[in-house]
C-alpha atoms as a PDB file:
ATOM      1  CA  UNK A   1     194.559  62.042  91.119  1.00  0.00           C
ATOM      2  CA  UNK A   2     196.026  64.887  89.548  1.00  0.00           C
ATOM      3  CA  UNK A   3     197.374  67.943  91.461  1.00  0.00           C
ATOM      4  CA  UNK A   4     198.042  70.760  89.754  1.00  0.00           C
ATOM      5  CA  UNK A   5     199.101  74.341  91.504  1.00  0.00           C
ATOM      6  CA  UNK A   6     199.047  77.757  89.983  1.00  0.00           C
ATOM      7  CA  UNK A   7     198.580  81.442  90.854  1.00  0.00           C
ATOM      8  CA  UNK A   8     195.180  82.921  90.610  1.00  0.00           C
ATOM      9  CA  UNK A   9     195.943  86.593  91.026  1.00  0.00           C
ATOM     10  CA  UNK A  10     197.538  88.794  93.356  1.00  0.00           C
ATOM     11  CA  UNK A  11     195.643  91.122  95.851  1.00  0.00           C
ATOM     12  CA  UNK A  12     198.105  93.730  97.477  1.00  0.00           C
ATOM     13  CA  UNK A  13     201.199  92.641  96.243  1.00  0.00           C
ATOM     14  CA  UNK A  14     200.221  89.016  97.995  1.00  0.00           C
ATOM     15  CA  UNK A  15     200.015  86.462  95.227  1.00  0.00           C
ATOM     16  CA  UNK A  16     196.950  84.245  95.369  1.00  0.00           C
ATOM     17  CA  UNK A  17     197.316  80.264  94.944  1.00  0.00           C
ATOM     18  CA  UNK A  18     195.128  78.115  93.202  1.00  0.00           C
ATOM     19  CA  UNK A  19     194.548  74.743  93.360  1.00  0.00           C
ATOM     20  CA  UNK A  20     192.896  72.608  91.196  1.00  0.00           C
ATOM     21  CA  UNK A  21     192.263  67.960  92.026  1.00  0.00           C
ATOM     22  CA  UNK A  22     191.406  65.409  89.511  1.00  0.00           C
ATOM     23  CA  UNK A  23     189.879  62.192  90.358  1.00  0.00           C
ATOM     24  CA  UNK A  24     190.754  59.500  87.937  1.00  0.00           C
ATOM     25  CA  UNK A  25     186.665  59.046  86.921  1.00  0.00           C
ATOM     26  CA  UNK A  26     186.497  62.807  86.034  1.00  0.00           C
ATOM     27  CA  UNK A  27     185.591  65.210  88.486  1.00  0.00           C
ATOM     28  CA  UNK A  28     187.820  67.989  88.684  1.00  0.00           C
ATOM     29  CA  UNK A  29     187.881  70.666  91.701  1.00  0.00           C
ATOM     30  CA  UNK A  30     189.698  74.275  91.765  1.00  0.00           C
ATOM     31  CA  UNK A  31     190.114  76.167  95.482  1.00  0.00           C
ATOM     32  CA  UNK A  32     191.643  79.497  95.977  1.00  0.00           C
ATOM     33  CA  UNK A  33     193.831  80.834  99.250  1.00  0.00           C
ATOM     34  CA  UNK A  34     191.095  84.408  99.091  1.00  0.00           C
ATOM     35  CA  UNK A  35     188.532  83.193 101.045  1.00  0.00           C
ATOM     36  CA  UNK A  36     188.835  79.295 100.459  1.00  0.00           C
ATOM     37  CA  UNK A  37     186.880  79.726  97.657  1.00  0.00           C
ATOM     38  CA  UNK A  38     185.729  76.955  95.313  1.00  0.00           C
ATOM     39  CA  UNK A  39     186.153  78.493  91.864  1.00  0.00           C
ATOM     40  CA  UNK A  40     185.237  75.306  89.569  1.00  0.00           C
ATOM     41  CA  UNK A  41     183.604  71.664  89.929  1.00  0.00           C
ATOM     42  CA  UNK A  42     183.281  70.015  87.212  1.00  0.00           C
ATOM     43  CA  UNK A  43     181.239  66.673  86.515  1.00  0.00           C
ATOM     44  CA  UNK A  44     180.166  64.407  83.965  1.00  0.00           C
ATOM     45  CA  UNK A  45     176.537  64.763  82.843  1.00  0.00           C
ATOM     46  CA  UNK A  46     174.591  61.535  81.504  1.00  0.00           C
ATOM     47  CA  UNK A  47     176.470  61.605  78.144  1.00  0.00           C
ATOM     48  CA  UNK A  48     179.950  62.003  79.765  1.00  0.00           C
ATOM     49  CA  UNK A  49     180.018  65.992  79.449  1.00  0.00           C
ATOM     50  CA  UNK A  50     182.095  67.638  82.149  1.00  0.00           C
ATOM     51  CA  UNK A  51     181.003  70.875  82.929  1.00  0.00           C
ATOM     52  CA  UNK A  52     181.237  73.526  85.955  1.00  0.00           C
ATOM     53  CA  UNK A  53     178.057  72.898  88.186  1.00  0.00           C
ATOM     54  CA  UNK A  54     178.892  75.851  90.704  1.00  0.00           C
ATOM     55  CA  UNK A  55     178.909  79.783  90.043  1.00  0.00           C
ATOM     56  CA  UNK A  56     182.271  81.161  90.300  1.00  0.00           C
ATOM     57  CA  UNK A  57     184.240  83.726  88.501  1.00  0.00           C
ATOM     58  CA  UNK A  58     187.660  83.653  86.360  1.00  0.00           C
ATOM     59  CA  UNK A  59     189.317  86.795  87.600  1.00  0.00           C
ATOM     60  CA  UNK A  60     190.506  87.888  91.702  1.00  0.00           C
ATOM     61  CA  UNK A  61     188.412  91.405  90.267  1.00  0.00           C
ATOM     62  CA  UNK A  62     185.332  89.813  89.798  1.00  0.00           C
ATOM     63  CA  UNK A  63     185.261  88.435  92.924  1.00  0.00           C
ATOM     64  CA  UNK A  64     185.743  91.298  94.468  1.00  0.00           C
ATOM     65  CA  UNK A  65     183.755  94.098  92.853  1.00  0.00           C
ATOM     66  CA  UNK A  66     180.803  91.567  92.196  1.00  0.00           C
ATOM     67  CA  UNK A  67     180.675  87.955  94.523  1.00  0.00           C
ATOM     68  CA  UNK A  68     177.871  87.514  96.049  1.00  0.00           C
ATOM     69  CA  UNK A  69     179.975  84.919  98.308  1.00  0.00           C
ATOM     70  CA  UNK A  70     180.274  82.918  95.482  1.00  0.00           C
ATOM     71  CA  UNK A  71     182.256  79.158  97.137  1.00  0.00           C
ATOM     72  CA  UNK A  72     183.211  80.806  99.254  1.00  0.00           C
ATOM     73  CA  UNK A  73     183.834  80.117 103.535  1.00  0.00           C
ATOM     74  CA  UNK A  74     181.857  82.546 105.863  1.00  0.00           C
ATOM     75  CA  UNK A  75     183.098  83.420 109.123  1.00  0.00           C
ATOM     76  CA  UNK A  76     183.542  84.330 112.001  1.00  0.00           C
ATOM     77  CA  UNK A  77     179.068  83.808 112.053  1.00  0.00           C
ATOM     78  CA  UNK A  78     177.264  82.631 108.778  1.00  0.00           C
ATOM     79  CA  UNK A  79     173.888  84.215 108.682  1.00  0.00           C
ATOM     80  CA  UNK A  80     172.310  87.388 109.897  1.00  0.00           C
ATOM     81  CA  UNK A  81     172.761  89.072 113.779  1.00  0.00           C
ATOM     82  CA  UNK A  82     170.052  91.158 114.844  1.00  0.00           C
ATOM     83  CA  UNK A  83     171.143  94.894 115.542  1.00  0.00           C
ATOM     84  CA  UNK A  84     174.358  93.885 114.200  1.00  0.00           C
ATOM     85  CA  UNK A  85     174.911  93.396 118.416  1.00  0.00           C
ATOM     86  CA  UNK A  86     175.566  90.499 120.615  1.00  0.00           C
ATOM     87  CA  UNK A  87     176.504  89.983 123.990  1.00  0.00           C
ATOM     88  CA  UNK A  88     179.195  87.824 125.826  1.00  0.00           C
ATOM     89  CA  UNK A  89     179.927  88.038 129.311  1.00  0.00           C
ATOM     90  CA  UNK A  90     178.323  90.721 129.828  1.00  0.00           C
ATOM     91  CA  UNK A  91     179.781  92.636 127.372  1.00  0.00           C
ATOM     92  CA  UNK A  92     177.972  94.097 124.001  1.00  0.00           C
ATOM     93  CA  UNK A  93     179.591  93.360 120.647  1.00  0.00           C
ATOM     94  CA  UNK A  94     179.192  96.102 117.363  1.00  0.00           C
ATOM     95  CA  UNK A  95     179.074  94.273 114.259  1.00  0.00           C
ATOM     96  CA  UNK A  96     178.598  96.018 110.716  1.00  0.00           C
ATOM     97  CA  UNK A  97     175.154  96.870 109.856  1.00  0.00           C
ATOM     98  CA  UNK A  98     175.918  95.672 106.357  1.00  0.00           C
ATOM     99  CA  UNK A  99     172.125  94.363 105.636  1.00  0.00           C
ATOM    100  CA  UNK A 100     169.928  96.657 106.634  1.00  0.00           C
ATOM    101  CA  UNK A 101     170.315  96.822 110.996  1.00  0.00           C
ATOM    102  CA  UNK A 102     171.774  93.089 110.880  1.00  0.00           C
ATOM    103  CA  UNK A 103     175.272  91.836 110.180  1.00  0.00           C
ATOM    104  CA  UNK A 104     175.040  89.577 107.455  1.00  0.00           C
ATOM    105  CA  UNK A 105     178.190  87.147 106.918  1.00  0.00           C
ATOM    106  CA  UNK A 106     180.105  89.503 109.948  1.00  0.00           C
ATOM    107  CA  UNK A 107     180.151  92.021 107.150  1.00  0.00           C
ATOM    108  CA  UNK A 108     182.900  93.361 104.672  1.00  0.00           C
ATOM    109  CA  UNK A 109     186.006  91.901 107.289  1.00  0.00           C
ATOM    110  CA  UNK A 110     184.749  88.539 107.237  1.00  0.00           C
ATOM    111  CA  UNK A 111     187.213  85.366 106.266  1.00  0.00           C
ATOM    112  CA  UNK A 112     185.338  85.448 102.597  1.00  0.00           C
ATOM    113  CA  UNK A 113     187.634  88.413 102.115  1.00  0.00           C
ATOM    114  CA  UNK A 114     191.110  87.366 103.773  1.00  0.00           C
ATOM    115  CA  UNK A 115     194.119  85.610 101.878  1.00  0.00           C
ATOM    116  CA  UNK A 116     194.197  82.071 103.969  1.00  0.00           C
ATOM    117  CA  UNK A 117     197.698  80.829 104.723  1.00  0.00           C
ATOM    118  CA  UNK A 118     197.698  76.955 102.653  1.00  0.00           C
ATOM    119  CA  UNK A 119     199.132  73.088 102.750  1.00  0.00           C
ATOM    120  CA  UNK A 120     198.907  70.294 101.078  1.00  0.00           C
ATOM    121  CA  UNK A 121     199.042  66.509 101.585  1.00  0.00           C
ATOM    122  CA  UNK A 122     199.049  64.112  98.806  1.00  0.00           C
ATOM    123  CA  UNK A 123     198.029  60.370  98.763  1.00  0.00           C
ATOM    124  CA  UNK A 124     197.407  57.913  95.976  1.00  0.00           C
ATOM    125  CA  UNK A 125     193.473  58.338  96.170  1.00  0.00           C
ATOM    126  CA  UNK A 126     193.002  61.454  98.136  1.00  0.00           C
ATOM    127  CA  UNK A 127     194.430  65.325  98.080  1.00  0.00           C
ATOM    128  CA  UNK A 128     193.993  67.595 100.685  1.00  0.00           C
ATOM    129  CA  UNK A 129     194.086  71.597 100.613  1.00  0.00           C
ATOM    130  CA  UNK A 130     194.736  72.989 104.274  1.00  0.00           C
ATOM    131  CA  UNK A 131     194.000  76.785 104.944  1.00  0.00           C
ATOM    132  CA  UNK A 132     194.467  78.473 107.883  1.00  0.00           C
ATOM    133  CA  UNK A 133     194.248  81.564 109.380  1.00  0.00           C
ATOM    134  CA  UNK A 134     194.613  84.000 112.572  1.00  0.00           C
ATOM    135  CA  UNK A 135     191.934  85.982 113.485  1.00  0.00           C
ATOM    136  CA  UNK A 136     192.783  88.665 115.758  1.00  0.00           C
ATOM    137  CA  UNK A 137     191.103  89.779 118.656  1.00  0.00           C
ATOM    138  CA  UNK A 138     188.542  92.869 117.449  1.00  0.00           C
ATOM    139  CA  UNK A 139     188.457  91.472 113.693  1.00  0.00           C
ATOM    140  CA  UNK A 140     185.332  92.814 112.445  1.00  0.00           C
ATOM    141  CA  UNK A 141     183.739  93.241 116.069  1.00  0.00           C
ATOM    142  CA  UNK A 142     184.200  89.960 117.016  1.00  0.00           C
ATOM    143  CA  UNK A 143     186.549  89.724 120.322  1.00  0.00           C
ATOM    144  CA  UNK A 144     189.254  86.870 120.804  1.00  0.00           C
ATOM    145  CA  UNK A 145     192.078  85.609 119.076  1.00  0.00           C
ATOM    146  CA  UNK A 146     190.890  83.009 116.550  1.00  0.00           C
ATOM    147  CA  UNK A 147     192.875  80.095 115.099  1.00  0.00           C
ATOM    148  CA  UNK A 148     190.807  78.892 112.224  1.00  0.00           C
ATOM    149  CA  UNK A 149     191.935  75.731 109.747  1.00  0.00           C
ATOM    150  CA  UNK A 150     189.594  74.569 106.614  1.00  0.00           C
ATOM    151  CA  UNK A 151     190.837  71.389 105.178  1.00  0.00           C
ATOM    152  CA  UNK A 152     189.129  70.251 101.394  1.00  0.00           C
ATOM    153  CA  UNK A 153     189.670  66.733 100.939  1.00  0.00           C
ATOM    154  CA  UNK A 154     188.969  65.188  97.469  1.00  0.00           C
ATOM    155  CA  UNK A 155     189.303  61.663  96.719  1.00  0.00           C
ATOM    156  CA  UNK A 156     188.414  59.622  94.486  1.00  0.00           C
ATOM    157  CA  UNK A 157     185.005  58.924  95.100  1.00  0.00           C
ATOM    158  CA  UNK A 158     184.191  61.932  94.041  1.00  0.00           C
ATOM    159  CA  UNK A 159     183.364  63.394  97.181  1.00  0.00           C
ATOM    160  CA  UNK A 160     184.128  66.602  98.713  1.00  0.00           C
ATOM    161  CA  UNK A 161     184.963  66.501 102.188  1.00  0.00           C
ATOM    162  CA  UNK A 162     184.913  70.009 104.274  1.00  0.00           C
ATOM    163  CA  UNK A 163     186.233  70.010 107.935  1.00  0.00           C
ATOM    164  CA  UNK A 164     186.468  73.294 110.003  1.00  0.00           C
ATOM    165  CA  UNK A 165     188.530  73.385 113.681  1.00  0.00           C
ATOM    166  CA  UNK A 166     188.796  76.462 115.326  1.00  0.00           C
ATOM    167  CA  UNK A 167     190.179  78.072 118.947  1.00  0.00           C
ATOM    168  CA  UNK A 168     189.880  81.465 120.450  1.00  0.00           C
ATOM    169  CA  UNK A 169     191.433  82.572 123.551  1.00  0.00           C
ATOM    170  CA  UNK A 170     188.224  84.344 124.325  1.00  0.00           C
ATOM    171  CA  UNK A 171     184.902  83.745 124.240  1.00  0.00           C
ATOM    172  CA  UNK A 172     183.601  84.170 120.605  1.00  0.00           C
ATOM    173  CA  UNK A 173     180.883  83.867 118.452  1.00  0.00           C
ATOM    174  CA  UNK A 174     181.676  81.028 115.998  1.00  0.00           C
ATOM    175  CA  UNK A 175     179.298  79.179 113.338  1.00  0.00           C
ATOM    176  CA  UNK A 176     181.349  77.997 109.896  1.00  0.00           C
ATOM    177  CA  UNK A 177     180.208  77.012 105.999  1.00  0.00           C
ATOM    178  CA  UNK A 178     180.853  76.760 102.966  1.00  0.00           C
ATOM    179  CA  UNK A 179     178.468  79.033 100.457  1.00  0.00           C
ATOM    180  CA  UNK A 180     178.355  78.032  97.347  1.00  0.00           C
ATOM    181  CA  UNK A 181     175.742  78.204  94.977  1.00  0.00           C
ATOM    182  CA  UNK A 182     175.529  74.606  93.080  1.00  0.00           C
ATOM    183  CA  UNK A 183     173.558  74.297  89.383  1.00  0.00           C
ATOM    184  CA  UNK A 184     173.679  70.926  88.328  1.00  0.00           C
ATOM    185  CA  UNK A 185     172.452  72.292  84.460  1.00  0.00           C
ATOM    186  CA  UNK A 186     176.263  72.603  84.043  1.00  0.00           C
ATOM    187  CA  UNK A 187     177.843  75.940  83.018  1.00  0.00           C
ATOM    188  CA  UNK A 188     174.282  77.717  83.798  1.00  0.00           C
ATOM    189  CA  UNK A 189     172.101  76.122  81.057  1.00  0.00           C
ATOM    190  CA  UNK A 190     169.198  76.659  83.390  1.00  0.00           C
ATOM    191  CA  UNK A 191     167.964  78.108  86.534  1.00  0.00           C
ATOM    192  CA  UNK A 192     168.273  75.995  89.368  1.00  0.00           C
ATOM    193  CA  UNK A 193     163.869  75.460  89.386  1.00  0.00           C
ATOM    194  CA  UNK A 194     163.634  72.461  88.131  1.00  0.00           C
ATOM    195  CA  UNK A 195     166.234  70.568  90.380  1.00  0.00           C
ATOM    196  CA  UNK A 196     164.592  68.088  93.066  1.00  0.00           C
ATOM    197  CA  UNK A 197     165.600  68.581  96.197  1.00  0.00           C
ATOM    198  CA  UNK A 198     165.418  65.669  99.065  1.00  0.00           C
ATOM    199  CA  UNK A 199     165.956  67.616 102.885  1.00  0.00           C
ATOM    200  CA  UNK A 200     165.034  65.838 105.941  1.00  0.00           C
ATOM    201  CA  UNK A 201     163.786  68.125 107.800  1.00  0.00           C
ATOM    202  CA  UNK A 202     160.291  68.243 110.164  1.00  0.00           C
ATOM    203  CA  UNK A 203     160.477  71.983 110.766  1.00  0.00           C
ATOM    204  CA  UNK A 204     162.074  75.241 109.930  1.00  0.00           C
ATOM    205  CA  UNK A 205     162.484  78.673 111.419  1.00  0.00           C
ATOM    206  CA  UNK A 206     160.581  81.658 110.814  1.00  0.00           C
ATOM    207  CA  UNK A 207     161.593  84.606 109.857  1.00  0.00           C
ATOM    208  CA  UNK A 208     161.077  87.934 110.577  1.00  0.00           C
ATOM    209  CA  UNK A 209     160.618  91.302 108.528  1.00  0.00           C
ATOM    210  CA  UNK A 210     164.374  91.718 108.664  1.00  0.00           C
ATOM    211  CA  UNK A 211     165.151  88.271 107.719  1.00  0.00           C
ATOM    212  CA  UNK A 212     165.560  87.468 111.221  1.00  0.00           C
ATOM    213  CA  UNK A 213     164.712  84.019 112.918  1.00  0.00           C
ATOM    214  CA  UNK A 214     162.485  84.361 115.632  1.00  0.00           C
ATOM    215  CA  UNK A 215     163.026  81.539 117.256  1.00  0.00           C
ATOM    216  CA  UNK A 216     159.422  79.759 115.807  1.00  0.00           C
ATOM    217  CA  UNK A 217     160.003  76.288 114.684  1.00  0.00           C
ATOM    218  CA  UNK A 218     157.234  76.090 111.790  1.00  0.00           C
ATOM    219  CA  UNK A 219     155.853  72.311 110.533  1.00  0.00           C
ATOM    220  CA  UNK A 220     156.896  71.567 106.651  1.00  0.00           C
ATOM    221  CA  UNK A 221     154.164  68.900 106.961  1.00  0.00           C
ATOM    222  CA  UNK A 222     151.815  70.839 104.256  1.00  0.00           C
ATOM    223  CA  UNK A 223     153.207  73.176 103.739  1.00  0.00           C
ATOM    224  CA  UNK A 224     155.903  74.306 100.471  1.00  0.00           C
ATOM    225  CA  UNK A 225     159.015  73.598 102.695  1.00  0.00           C
ATOM    226  CA  UNK A 226     157.966  70.275 102.517  1.00  0.00           C
ATOM    227  CA  UNK A 227     161.093  68.596 101.236  1.00  0.00           C
ATOM    228  CA  UNK A 228     160.501  65.562 102.452  1.00  0.00           C
ATOM    229  CA  UNK A 229     160.320  63.425  99.620  1.00  0.00           C
ATOM    230  CA  UNK A 230     162.038  64.850  96.301  1.00  0.00           C
ATOM    231  CA  UNK A 231     159.951  67.754  94.749  1.00  0.00           C
ATOM    232  CA  UNK A 232     161.140  70.443  92.016  1.00  0.00           C
ATOM    233  CA  UNK A 233     161.748  73.581  94.077  1.00  0.00           C
ATOM    234  CA  UNK A 234     160.303  75.775  91.630  1.00  0.00           C
ATOM    235  CA  UNK A 235     156.569  74.001  92.844  1.00  0.00           C
ATOM    236  CA  UNK A 236     157.240  75.292  96.091  1.00  0.00           C
ATOM    237  CA  UNK A 237     158.350  78.683  95.080  1.00  0.00           C
ATOM    238  CA  UNK A 238     155.217  78.988  92.701  1.00  0.00           C
ATOM    239  CA  UNK A 239     153.312  78.576  95.991  1.00  0.00           C
ATOM    240  CA  UNK A 240     153.104  81.607  97.501  1.00  0.00           C
ATOM    241  CA  UNK A 241     153.798  81.174 100.864  1.00  0.00           C
ATOM    242  CA  UNK A 242     154.266  84.482 103.101  1.00  0.00           C
ATOM    243  CA  UNK A 243     157.599  82.773 104.410  1.00  0.00           C
ATOM    244  CA  UNK A 244     158.635  82.586 100.473  1.00  0.00           C
ATOM    245  CA  UNK A 245     157.291  86.210  99.691  1.00  0.00           C
ATOM    246  CA  UNK A 246     159.072  87.852 102.414  1.00  0.00           C
ATOM    247  CA  UNK A 247     162.399  86.956 100.898  1.00  0.00           C
ATOM    248  CA  UNK A 248     162.358  88.318  97.842  1.00  0.00           C
ATOM    249  CA  UNK A 249     160.620  84.727  96.232  1.00  0.00           C
ATOM    250  CA  UNK A 250     162.296  81.688  97.614  1.00  0.00           C
ATOM    251  CA  UNK A 251     163.445  79.949 100.472  1.00  0.00           C
ATOM    252  CA  UNK A 252     166.391  81.694 102.655  1.00  0.00           C
ATOM    253  CA  UNK A 253     165.704  79.380 105.679  1.00  0.00           C
ATOM    254  CA  UNK A 254     166.915  77.649 108.593  1.00  0.00           C
ATOM    255  CA  UNK A 255     165.608  73.812 107.879  1.00  0.00           C
ATOM    256  CA  UNK A 256     166.667  72.249 111.225  1.00  0.00           C
ATOM    257  CA  UNK A 257     167.947  68.724 109.831  1.00  0.00           C
ATOM    258  CA  UNK A 258     166.538  65.406 111.284  1.00  0.00           C
ATOM    259  CA  UNK A 259     168.326  62.616 112.487  1.00  0.00           C
ATOM    260  CA  UNK A 260     168.900  60.016 109.881  1.00  0.00           C
ATOM    261  CA  UNK A 261     170.171  56.415 109.021  1.00  0.00           C
ATOM    262  CA  UNK A 262     172.727  55.058 106.125  1.00  0.00           C
ATOM    263  CA  UNK A 263     171.306  57.527 103.713  1.00  0.00           C
ATOM    264  CA  UNK A 264     172.162  61.720 102.918  1.00  0.00           C
ATOM    265  CA  UNK A 265     170.295  64.091 105.004  1.00  0.00           C
ATOM    266  CA  UNK A 266     170.106  66.258 101.242  1.00  0.00           C
ATOM    267  CA  UNK A 267     169.776  65.285  97.855  1.00  0.00           C
ATOM    268  CA  UNK A 268     169.588  67.465  94.782  1.00  0.00           C
ATOM    269  CA  UNK A 269     169.290  65.903  91.274  1.00  0.00           C
ATOM    270  CA  UNK A 270     168.792  67.053  87.837  1.00  0.00           C
ATOM    271  CA  UNK A 271     166.596  65.525  85.864  1.00  0.00           C
ATOM    272  CA  UNK A 272     168.061  66.457  82.658  1.00  0.00           C
ATOM    273  CA  UNK A 273     171.821  65.390  82.930  1.00  0.00           C
ATOM    274  CA  UNK A 274     171.595  62.938  85.422  1.00  0.00           C
ATOM    275  CA  UNK A 275     173.512  64.744  88.019  1.00  0.00           C
ATOM    276  CA  UNK A 276     173.455  64.375  91.264  1.00  0.00           C
ATOM    277  CA  UNK A 277     174.886  65.211  94.871  1.00  0.00           C
ATOM    278  CA  UNK A 278     174.360  64.433  97.975  1.00  0.00           C
ATOM    279  CA  UNK A 279     175.017  66.078 101.504  1.00  0.00           C
ATOM    280  CA  UNK A 280     175.706  65.038 104.547  1.00  0.00           C
ATOM    281  CA  UNK A 281     177.054  67.001 107.647  1.00  0.00           C
ATOM    282  CA  UNK A 282     177.508  66.764 111.805  1.00  0.00           C
ATOM    283  CA  UNK A 283     175.486  70.077 111.787  1.00  0.00           C
ATOM    284  CA  UNK A 284     172.342  70.644 113.023  1.00  0.00           C
ATOM    285  CA  UNK A 285     170.531  72.809 110.646  1.00  0.00           C
ATOM    286  CA  UNK A 286     171.354  73.818 106.994  1.00  0.00           C
ATOM    287  CA  UNK A 287     170.221  77.445 105.747  1.00  0.00           C
ATOM    288  CA  UNK A 288     168.469  76.840 102.104  1.00  0.00           C
ATOM    289  CA  UNK A 289     169.119  79.006 100.124  1.00  0.00           C
ATOM    290  CA  UNK A 290     167.718  79.763  96.255  1.00  0.00           C
ATOM    291  CA  UNK A 291     169.436  82.983  94.396  1.00  0.00           C
ATOM    292  CA  UNK A 292     166.610  84.795  95.134  1.00  0.00           C
ATOM    293  CA  UNK A 293     168.622  88.310  95.459  1.00  0.00           C
ATOM    294  CA  UNK A 294     170.814  86.907  92.460  1.00  0.00           C
ATOM    295  CA  UNK A 295     171.021  90.531  90.403  1.00  0.00           C
ATOM    296  CA  UNK A 296     171.246  90.554  86.393  1.00  0.00           C
ATOM    297  CA  UNK A 297     173.920  93.732  86.834  1.00  0.00           C
ATOM    298  CA  UNK A 298     176.775  90.989  85.961  1.00  0.00           C
ATOM    299  CA  UNK A 299     178.201  87.721  83.925  1.00  0.00           C
ATOM    300  CA  UNK A 300     178.872  84.888  85.176  1.00  0.00           C
ATOM    301  CA  UNK A 301     182.151  83.480  82.698  1.00  0.00           C
ATOM    302  CA  UNK A 302     179.791  84.661  79.757  1.00  0.00           C
ATOM    303  CA  UNK A 303     176.362  84.011  81.496  1.00  0.00           C
ATOM    304  CA  UNK A 304     174.367  86.538  82.761  1.00  0.00           C
ATOM    305  CA  UNK A 305     173.060  86.582  86.337  1.00  0.00           C
ATOM    306  CA  UNK A 306     169.578  85.832  87.199  1.00  0.00           C
ATOM    307  CA  UNK A 307     167.456  85.384  89.997  1.00  0.00           C
ATOM    308  CA  UNK A 308     167.196  81.613  90.710  1.00  0.00           C
ATOM    309  CA  UNK A 309     170.643  81.114  88.778  1.00  0.00           C
ATOM    310  CA  UNK A 310     172.155  78.374  92.001  1.00  0.00           C
ATOM    311  CA  UNK A 311     171.180  77.481  94.963  1.00  0.00           C
ATOM    312  CA  UNK A 312     172.898  77.223  98.689  1.00  0.00           C
ATOM    313  CA  UNK A 313     172.786  74.731 101.425  1.00  0.00           C
ATOM    314  CA  UNK A 314     174.516  76.406 104.191  1.00  0.00           C
ATOM    315  CA  UNK A 315     175.136  73.699 106.553  1.00  0.00           C
ATOM    316  CA  UNK A 316     175.359  75.464 110.064  1.00  0.00           C
ATOM    317  CA  UNK A 317     173.653  76.244 113.438  1.00  0.00           C
ATOM    318  CA  UNK A 318     170.780  78.096 113.335  1.00  0.00           C
ATOM    319  CA  UNK A 319     172.265  81.658 112.757  1.00  0.00           C
ATOM    320  CA  UNK A 320     171.140  84.200 115.851  1.00  0.00           C
ATOM    321  CA  UNK A 321     170.445  81.733 117.864  1.00  0.00           C
ATOM    322  CA  UNK A 322     172.874  82.660 121.140  1.00  0.00           C
ATOM    323  CA  UNK A 323     170.753  82.406 124.490  1.00  0.00           C
ATOM    324  CA  UNK A 324     168.035  80.233 122.969  1.00  0.00           C
ATOM    325  CA  UNK A 325     169.096  76.586 125.138  1.00  0.00           C
ATOM    326  CA  UNK A 326     166.541  74.636 122.462  1.00  0.00           C
ATOM    327  CA  UNK A 327     169.272  75.302 120.059  1.00  0.00           C
ATOM    328  CA  UNK A 328     173.402  74.640 119.885  1.00  0.00           C
ATOM    329  CA  UNK A 329     174.984  77.839 121.021  1.00  0.00           C
ATOM    330  CA  UNK A 330     177.307  79.663 118.458  1.00  0.00           C
ATOM    331  CA  UNK A 331     179.356  80.600 121.336  1.00  0.00           C
ATOM    332  CA  UNK A 332     182.802  78.966 121.337  1.00  0.00           C
ATOM    333  CA  UNK A 333     183.956  79.243 124.646  1.00  0.00           C
ATOM    334  CA  UNK A 334     187.667  80.398 125.545  1.00  0.00           C
ATOM    335  CA  UNK A 335     190.173  77.564 124.518  1.00  0.00           C
ATOM    336  CA  UNK A 336     187.221  75.005 123.552  1.00  0.00           C
ATOM    337  CA  UNK A 337     187.653  73.050 119.742  1.00  0.00           C
ATOM    338  CA  UNK A 338     185.224  73.625 117.472  1.00  0.00           C
ATOM    339  CA  UNK A 339     185.275  71.249 114.946  1.00  0.00           C
ATOM    340  CA  UNK A 340     182.697  70.397 112.441  1.00  0.00           C
ATOM    341  CA  UNK A 341     182.443  68.713 108.950  1.00  0.00           C
ATOM    342  CA  UNK A 342     180.328  68.333 105.659  1.00  0.00           C
ATOM    343  CA  UNK A 343     180.370  66.051 103.297  1.00  0.00           C
ATOM    344  CA  UNK A 344     179.585  66.433  99.490  1.00  0.00           C
ATOM    345  CA  UNK A 345     179.135  63.216  97.298  1.00  0.00           C
ATOM    346  CA  UNK A 346     179.134  63.957  93.506  1.00  0.00           C
ATOM    347  CA  UNK A 347     177.560  61.414  91.301  1.00  0.00           C
ATOM    348  CA  UNK A 348     175.963  61.269  87.826  1.00  0.00           C
ATOM    349  CA  UNK A 349     173.885  58.796  85.068  1.00  0.00           C
ATOM    350  CA  UNK A 350     176.740  57.098  83.155  1.00  0.00           C
ATOM    351  CA  UNK A 351     173.900  56.609  80.198  1.00  0.00           C
ATOM    352  CA  UNK A 352     172.323  53.740  81.949  1.00  0.00           C
ATOM    353  CA  UNK A 353     168.689  55.678  82.946  1.00  0.00           C
ATOM    354  CA  UNK A 354     168.287  58.460  85.488  1.00  0.00           C
ATOM    355  CA  UNK A 355     169.156  57.741  88.388  1.00  0.00           C
ATOM    356  CA  UNK A 356     167.405  56.739  91.183  1.00  0.00           C
ATOM    357  CA  UNK A 357     166.850  59.712  93.647  1.00  0.00           C
ATOM    358  CA  UNK A 358     164.284  59.660  95.494  1.00  0.00           C
END
C-alpha cells in the first residue's frame, strides 16, 4: 500500500489536504478534506489500462463553482425534505428551500461544503482516512450539536469501505451517504446507458410531482425498475414509464433493498472495459440516480458534461421518512450512536474473457 499526502487547494486561508492511496494490484484512490470528496478512483480495464471511474475535478474552484455533489458526503440529510421543514418533539425546523419548495441534500450549508479534519492510519494491507466534523446546533437549520466521523478504508482487495458515525446532544435528523458518480467506461469515454446493473430490490418508492416520496411502494415486477436480473440501464430509461419521465428521463428513486446471502446487493458492470463494481451496505435502501440533471455547460477534466455521464448509488434510509413506521426513522435520538457502513468492491477482467456479472 502506498500513501501520498498533498495540498489540493486553499479555502478561506485554510489548506485542504489530499490523500492518494494505491494498492499493489492497481487501484488508486484519492480524496480531499473538502466535503470528504472522492476525486478519483483509477481502475485497470481488461487490457490493464488504468483509468478514472468517478466524476470529479482537478481544482477546488471547479467543485465550488460547478459540482452537482461529485464524490462528496451528503449530510446531515441525504435526499429531499418536503416543504423544507420537519417537526421533532413538537418543534418545527425550517431549512433552505434549494430545490423548488423542498430542501435537497441539506442545502448550501451541508457537509459537502465544509472542510473536515483528517487523520490517517497506515497498515500493511490497508489505509484508513478518518474525516471528522462538529456540526453546531442550528447549522443548516438542524437542531443539536452533532459530532460526525466518516472513514474511508482502502485495502489490498481493491475494496473501499465507508464507515459513518454520528452523535448529537439533541434529537435531530441524520441520514448520510456518499454521492460519487460512477462511470466504469474509464475517463468518461461513454455514458452509463450501456452499463449493466443488478439491484436486489422488489420495490421502489413512488415520487410525487416535486420528487418527494409519497410513501407508496411500487413493485418492480414488469416495470423498467426491474433490476433483479442484470439489465442495461438505457433499456429501462427508453421504456417511458411515467416515473422515469417525471425525474427528467431516468432514475432518481429510492429502491428498498432485499436481503441477500453470499452476494452483493448491487452490481454495476461495463462489458466493453471489463470493469465491475459490487456494493454491499447495512442501509435499507439505495437511491439510484442516473445523472438525468447533469448539464452540458461545464467540462469534467476536458470532457464536456452531459446527461447520463455518471450514475449514483446512494445507500441510505428512505428520504423524508420522518414518522412513517414502515421505514427506519431518519431521526437520531439524543446521545444515541449513528453507525452504518457500505463496501464498494472493484474488479476487472484481466484479459481472460468477460467476467461473470449475473
